[in-house]
Amino acid sequence: MDGRRETVYPEEVYQMNIRFMTGQGEWDTLLEQYPTDMALVRKVDATYNLLRCKPGWVLVYEDDISALFVRQDFRYRRALEEAATRIAEEAVSLRFP
């Protein structure tokens, strides 16, 4: 959801997004009702733990702040997993002492 929400997204979609972000009620409606292959979530939100437990979804990358989940059968899952491994390996050398 972005800053255009009042002009682009119907109220129903906005409410689905709020439930997704907070992990309340039918939190996964957005994932099931709209074609969604990836979800980038903040680790401090309930959705992080809910996606970790949701069948059919796989964690492919995480850092201290966020996590990227993809559908288990997502066409580019392996490529993302490989890229995430490279990023994690290179990130060690990018950290400020």
N, C-alpha and C. Protein backbone atom coordinates (compact mmCIF):
# COMPACT_ATOMS: atom_id res chain seq x y z
N MET A 1 0.86 -1.17 0.00
CA MET A 1 0.00 0.00 0.00
C MET A 1 0.90 1.22 0.00
N ASP A 2 0.56 2.16 -0.81
CA ASP A 2 1.39 3.36 -0.89
C ASP A 2 0.56 4.61 -0.63
N GLY A 3 1.17 5.75 -0.79
CA GLY A 3 0.54 7.02 -0.48
C GLY A 3 -0.64 7.38 -1.36
N ARG A 4 -0.88 6.63 -2.41
CA ARG A 4 -2.01 6.93 -3.30
C ARG A 4 -3.29 6.26 -2.83
N ARG A 5 -3.29 5.68 -1.65
CA ARG A 5 -4.38 4.80 -1.24
C ARG A 5 -5.76 5.43 -1.36
N GLU A 6 -5.91 6.71 -1.05
CA GLU A 6 -7.22 7.34 -1.12
C GLU A 6 -7.72 7.47 -2.56
N THR A 7 -6.83 7.58 -3.51
CA THR A 7 -7.25 7.81 -4.89
C THR A 7 -7.20 6.56 -5.76
N VAL A 8 -6.51 5.52 -5.31
CA VAL A 8 -6.32 4.34 -6.14
C VAL A 8 -7.02 3.10 -5.59
N TYR A 9 -6.95 2.90 -4.29
CA TYR A 9 -7.44 1.65 -3.70
C TYR A 9 -8.81 1.83 -3.06
N PRO A 10 -9.73 0.90 -3.32
CA PRO A 10 -11.03 0.96 -2.65
C PRO A 10 -10.87 0.71 -1.14
N GLU A 11 -11.81 1.16 -0.37
CA GLU A 11 -11.78 1.00 1.09
C GLU A 11 -11.63 -0.46 1.49
N GLU A 12 -12.28 -1.36 0.77
CA GLU A 12 -12.20 -2.80 1.08
C GLU A 12 -10.75 -3.29 0.99
N VAL A 13 -10.03 -2.88 -0.03
CA VAL A 13 -8.64 -3.29 -0.19
C VAL A 13 -7.77 -2.67 0.90
N TYR A 14 -8.06 -1.44 1.23
CA TYR A 14 -7.33 -0.78 2.32
C TYR A 14 -7.51 -1.56 3.62
N GLN A 15 -8.73 -1.97 3.91
CA GLN A 15 -8.99 -2.74 5.13
C GLN A 15 -8.29 -4.10 5.10
N MET A 16 -8.24 -4.74 3.94
CA MET A 16 -7.50 -6.00 3.80
C MET A 16 -6.03 -5.78 4.12
N ASN A 17 -5.49 -4.67 3.64
CA ASN A 17 -4.09 -4.36 3.89
C ASN A 17 -3.83 -4.13 5.38
N ILE A 18 -4.74 -3.45 6.05
CA ILE A 18 -4.59 -3.22 7.49
C ILE A 18 -4.61 -4.56 8.23
N ARG A 19 -5.54 -5.46 7.86
CA ARG A 19 -5.59 -6.78 8.51
C ARG A 19 -4.31 -7.57 8.23
N PHE A 20 -3.80 -7.45 7.02
CA PHE A 20 -2.55 -8.15 6.68
C PHE A 20 -1.40 -7.64 7.53
N MET A 21 -1.28 -6.34 7.65
CA MET A 21 -0.17 -5.76 8.40
C MET A 21 -0.26 -6.04 9.90
N THR A 22 -1.48 -6.10 10.42
CA THR A 22 -1.65 -6.31 11.86
C THR A 22 -1.83 -7.76 12.24
N GLY A 23 -2.11 -8.61 11.26
CA GLY A 23 -2.32 -10.03 11.55
C GLY A 23 -3.63 -10.31 12.23
N GLN A 24 -4.62 -9.46 12.04
CA GLN A 24 -5.91 -9.63 12.72
C GLN A 24 -6.97 -10.17 11.78
N GLY A 25 -7.89 -10.94 12.37
CA GLY A 25 -9.01 -11.47 11.60
C GLY A 25 -8.53 -12.31 10.43
N GLU A 26 -9.16 -12.11 9.31
CA GLU A 26 -8.76 -12.82 8.09
C GLU A 26 -7.58 -12.10 7.47
N TRP A 27 -6.44 -12.19 8.15
CA TRP A 27 -5.25 -11.42 7.80
C TRP A 27 -4.70 -11.75 6.42
N ASP A 28 -4.94 -12.96 5.92
CA ASP A 28 -4.32 -13.38 4.67
C ASP A 28 -5.23 -13.24 3.44
N THR A 29 -6.31 -12.49 3.56
CA THR A 29 -7.23 -12.30 2.43
C THR A 29 -6.52 -11.73 1.21
N LEU A 30 -5.66 -10.76 1.41
CA LEU A 30 -4.92 -10.19 0.27
C LEU A 30 -4.12 -11.25 -0.48
N LEU A 31 -3.50 -12.15 0.27
CA LEU A 31 -2.67 -13.18 -0.35
C LEU A 31 -3.51 -14.18 -1.13
N GLU A 32 -4.72 -14.43 -0.64
CA GLU A 32 -5.57 -15.45 -1.27
C GLU A 32 -6.47 -14.88 -2.36
N GLN A 33 -6.89 -13.65 -2.21
CA GLN A 33 -7.85 -13.07 -3.15
C GLN A 33 -7.19 -12.40 -4.36
N TYR A 34 -5.95 -12.01 -4.22
CA TYR A 34 -5.23 -11.35 -5.31
C TYR A 34 -3.99 -12.18 -5.64
N PRO A 35 -3.58 -12.20 -6.91
CA PRO A 35 -2.40 -12.99 -7.28
C PRO A 35 -1.14 -12.42 -6.61
N THR A 36 -0.68 -13.10 -5.59
CA THR A 36 0.47 -12.64 -4.82
C THR A 36 1.48 -13.76 -4.73
N ASP A 37 2.69 -13.51 -5.18
CA ASP A 37 3.76 -14.52 -5.11
C ASP A 37 4.80 -14.19 -4.06
N MET A 38 4.92 -12.91 -3.69
CA MET A 38 5.93 -12.50 -2.72
C MET A 38 5.31 -11.55 -1.70
N ALA A 39 5.86 -11.60 -0.49
CA ALA A 39 5.41 -10.67 0.55
C ALA A 39 6.64 -10.20 1.32
N LEU A 40 6.85 -8.90 1.31
CA LEU A 40 7.94 -8.30 2.07
C LEU A 40 7.31 -7.70 3.32
N VAL A 41 7.71 -8.20 4.49
CA VAL A 41 7.09 -7.76 5.74
C VAL A 41 8.14 -7.33 6.75
N ARG A 42 7.69 -6.47 7.66
CA ARG A 42 8.57 -6.07 8.76
C ARG A 42 8.56 -7.17 9.81
N LYS A 43 9.70 -7.43 10.40
CA LYS A 43 9.79 -8.49 11.40
C LYS A 43 9.08 -8.15 12.70
N VAL A 44 8.82 -6.88 12.94
CA VAL A 44 8.12 -6.49 14.17
C VAL A 44 6.61 -6.67 14.05
N ASP A 45 6.11 -6.92 12.85
CA ASP A 45 4.67 -7.09 12.66
C ASP A 45 4.27 -8.55 12.84
N ALA A 46 3.03 -8.76 13.24
CA ALA A 46 2.51 -10.11 13.46
C ALA A 46 2.57 -10.95 12.19
N THR A 47 2.47 -10.31 11.05
CA THR A 47 2.47 -11.02 9.78
C THR A 47 3.74 -11.85 9.59
N TYR A 48 4.84 -11.39 10.13
CA TYR A 48 6.10 -12.14 10.02
C TYR A 48 5.93 -13.55 10.59
N ASN A 49 5.43 -13.65 11.80
CA ASN A 49 5.25 -14.96 12.42
C ASN A 49 4.13 -15.76 11.77
N LEU A 50 3.07 -15.07 11.35
CA LEU A 50 1.97 -15.76 10.69
C LEU A 50 2.42 -16.39 9.37
N LEU A 51 3.21 -15.66 8.59
CA LEU A 51 3.71 -16.22 7.32
C LEU A 51 4.68 -17.37 7.55
N ARG A 52 5.44 -17.31 8.62
CA ARG A 52 6.36 -18.41 8.93
C ARG A 52 5.59 -19.71 9.16
N CYS A 53 4.35 -19.60 9.62
CA CYS A 53 3.53 -20.77 9.92
C CYS A 53 2.52 -21.10 8.82
N LYS A 54 2.41 -20.26 7.83
CA LYS A 54 1.39 -20.46 6.80
C LYS A 54 1.86 -21.48 5.76
N PRO A 55 1.12 -22.57 5.62
CA PRO A 55 1.48 -23.58 4.61
C PRO A 55 1.54 -22.96 3.22
N GLY A 56 2.52 -23.38 2.44
CA GLY A 56 2.66 -22.91 1.08
C GLY A 56 3.52 -21.68 0.92
N TRP A 57 4.01 -21.10 2.05
CA TRP A 57 4.87 -19.93 2.00
C TRP A 57 6.22 -20.26 2.59
N VAL A 58 7.28 -19.71 1.98
CA VAL A 58 8.66 -20.00 2.38
C VAL A 58 9.42 -18.69 2.60
N LEU A 59 10.18 -18.65 3.66
CA LEU A 59 11.06 -17.51 3.93
C LEU A 59 12.31 -17.65 3.07
N VAL A 60 12.57 -16.66 2.22
CA VAL A 60 13.76 -16.74 1.37
C VAL A 60 14.86 -15.77 1.78
N TYR A 61 14.48 -14.74 2.54
CA TYR A 61 15.49 -13.78 2.98
C TYR A 61 14.97 -13.05 4.21
N GLU A 62 15.89 -12.76 5.12
CA GLU A 62 15.55 -11.88 6.24
C GLU A 62 16.81 -11.20 6.73
N ASP A 63 16.60 -10.01 7.27
CA ASP A 63 17.68 -9.28 7.92
C ASP A 63 17.14 -8.82 9.27
N ASP A 64 17.77 -7.85 9.86
CA ASP A 64 17.32 -7.40 11.18
C ASP A 64 15.96 -6.71 11.15
N ILE A 65 15.56 -6.22 9.98
CA ILE A 65 14.36 -5.40 9.89
C ILE A 65 13.20 -6.08 9.17
N SER A 66 13.50 -6.76 8.09
CA SER A 66 12.42 -7.28 7.25
C SER A 66 12.68 -8.72 6.81
N ALA A 67 11.65 -9.27 6.18
CA ALA A 67 11.73 -10.65 5.68
C ALA A 67 10.97 -10.74 4.37
N LEU A 68 11.49 -11.55 3.47
CA LEU A 68 10.84 -11.78 2.18
C LEU A 68 10.36 -13.22 2.14
N PHE A 69 9.05 -13.39 1.96
CA PHE A 69 8.43 -14.70 1.82
C PHE A 69 7.95 -14.85 0.39
N VAL A 70 7.99 -16.08 -0.12
CA VAL A 70 7.45 -16.37 -1.45
C VAL A 70 6.60 -17.62 -1.36
N ARG A 71 5.70 -17.74 -2.31
CA ARG A 71 4.92 -18.98 -2.39
C ARG A 71 5.89 -20.13 -2.67
N GLN A 72 5.60 -21.24 -2.08
CA GLN A 72 6.48 -22.40 -2.20
C GLN A 72 6.70 -22.79 -3.66
N ASP A 73 5.67 -22.65 -4.48
CA ASP A 73 5.78 -23.04 -5.89
C ASP A 73 6.09 -21.86 -6.82
N PHE A 74 6.52 -20.75 -6.26
CA PHE A 74 6.85 -19.57 -7.06
C PHE A 74 7.97 -19.90 -8.04
N ARG A 75 7.77 -19.53 -9.27
CA ARG A 75 8.69 -19.85 -10.36
C ARG A 75 10.13 -19.41 -10.09
N TYR A 76 10.31 -18.27 -9.44
CA TYR A 76 11.65 -17.73 -9.21
C TYR A 76 12.16 -17.95 -7.79
N ARG A 77 11.56 -18.86 -7.09
CA ARG A 77 11.96 -19.11 -5.70
C ARG A 77 13.45 -19.45 -5.58
N ARG A 78 13.92 -20.40 -6.35
CA ARG A 78 15.32 -20.83 -6.26
C ARG A 78 16.27 -19.68 -6.58
N ALA A 79 15.95 -18.90 -7.58
CA ALA A 79 16.81 -17.76 -7.94
C ALA A 79 16.87 -16.76 -6.80
N LEU A 80 15.74 -16.52 -6.15
CA LEU A 80 15.71 -15.59 -5.01
C LEU A 80 16.50 -16.15 -3.84
N GLU A 81 16.38 -17.44 -3.59
CA GLU A 81 17.14 -18.06 -2.50
C GLU A 81 18.65 -17.95 -2.75
N GLU A 82 19.06 -18.18 -3.99
CA GLU A 82 20.48 -18.07 -4.33
C GLU A 82 20.95 -16.62 -4.18
N ALA A 83 20.15 -15.68 -4.65
CA ALA A 83 20.51 -14.27 -4.52
C ALA A 83 20.59 -13.86 -3.05
N ALA A 84 19.66 -14.34 -2.25
CA ALA A 84 19.65 -14.02 -0.82
C ALA A 84 20.91 -14.56 -0.13
N THR A 85 21.35 -15.73 -0.53
CA THR A 85 22.57 -16.31 0.04
C THR A 85 23.77 -15.44 -0.31
N ARG A 86 23.86 -15.01 -1.57
CA ARG A 86 24.96 -14.14 -1.99
C ARG A 86 24.92 -12.80 -1.25
N ILE A 87 23.73 -12.25 -1.10
CA ILE A 87 23.60 -10.97 -0.38
C ILE A 87 24.07 -11.12 1.05
N ALA A 88 23.65 -12.19 1.70
CA ALA A 88 24.05 -12.42 3.09
C ALA A 88 25.56 -12.57 3.22
N GLU A 89 26.18 -13.27 2.28
CA GLU A 89 27.62 -13.47 2.31
C GLU A 89 28.36 -12.15 2.08
N GLU A 90 27.88 -11.37 1.13
CA GLU A 90 28.54 -10.10 0.82
C GLU A 90 28.27 -9.03 1.90
N ALA A 91 27.14 -9.15 2.58
CA ALA A 91 26.79 -8.15 3.60
C ALA A 91 27.79 -8.14 4.74
N VAL A 92 28.43 -9.27 5.00
CA VAL A 92 29.43 -9.32 6.06
C VAL A 92 30.54 -8.33 5.78
N SER A 93 30.95 -8.22 4.53
CA SER A 93 32.04 -7.30 4.19
C SER A 93 31.54 -5.86 4.06
N LEU A 94 30.25 -5.64 4.01
CA LEU A 94 29.72 -4.30 3.84
C LEU A 94 29.41 -3.61 5.17
N ARG A 95 29.49 -4.32 6.26
CA ARG A 95 29.14 -3.74 7.55
C ARG A 95 30.20 -2.76 8.03
N PHE A 96 29.71 -1.73 8.63
CA PHE A 96 30.61 -0.71 9.19
C PHE A 96 31.14 -1.21 10.53
N PRO A 97 32.42 -1.11 10.76
CA PRO A 97 32.98 -1.67 12.01
C PRO A 97 32.45 -1.09 13.24
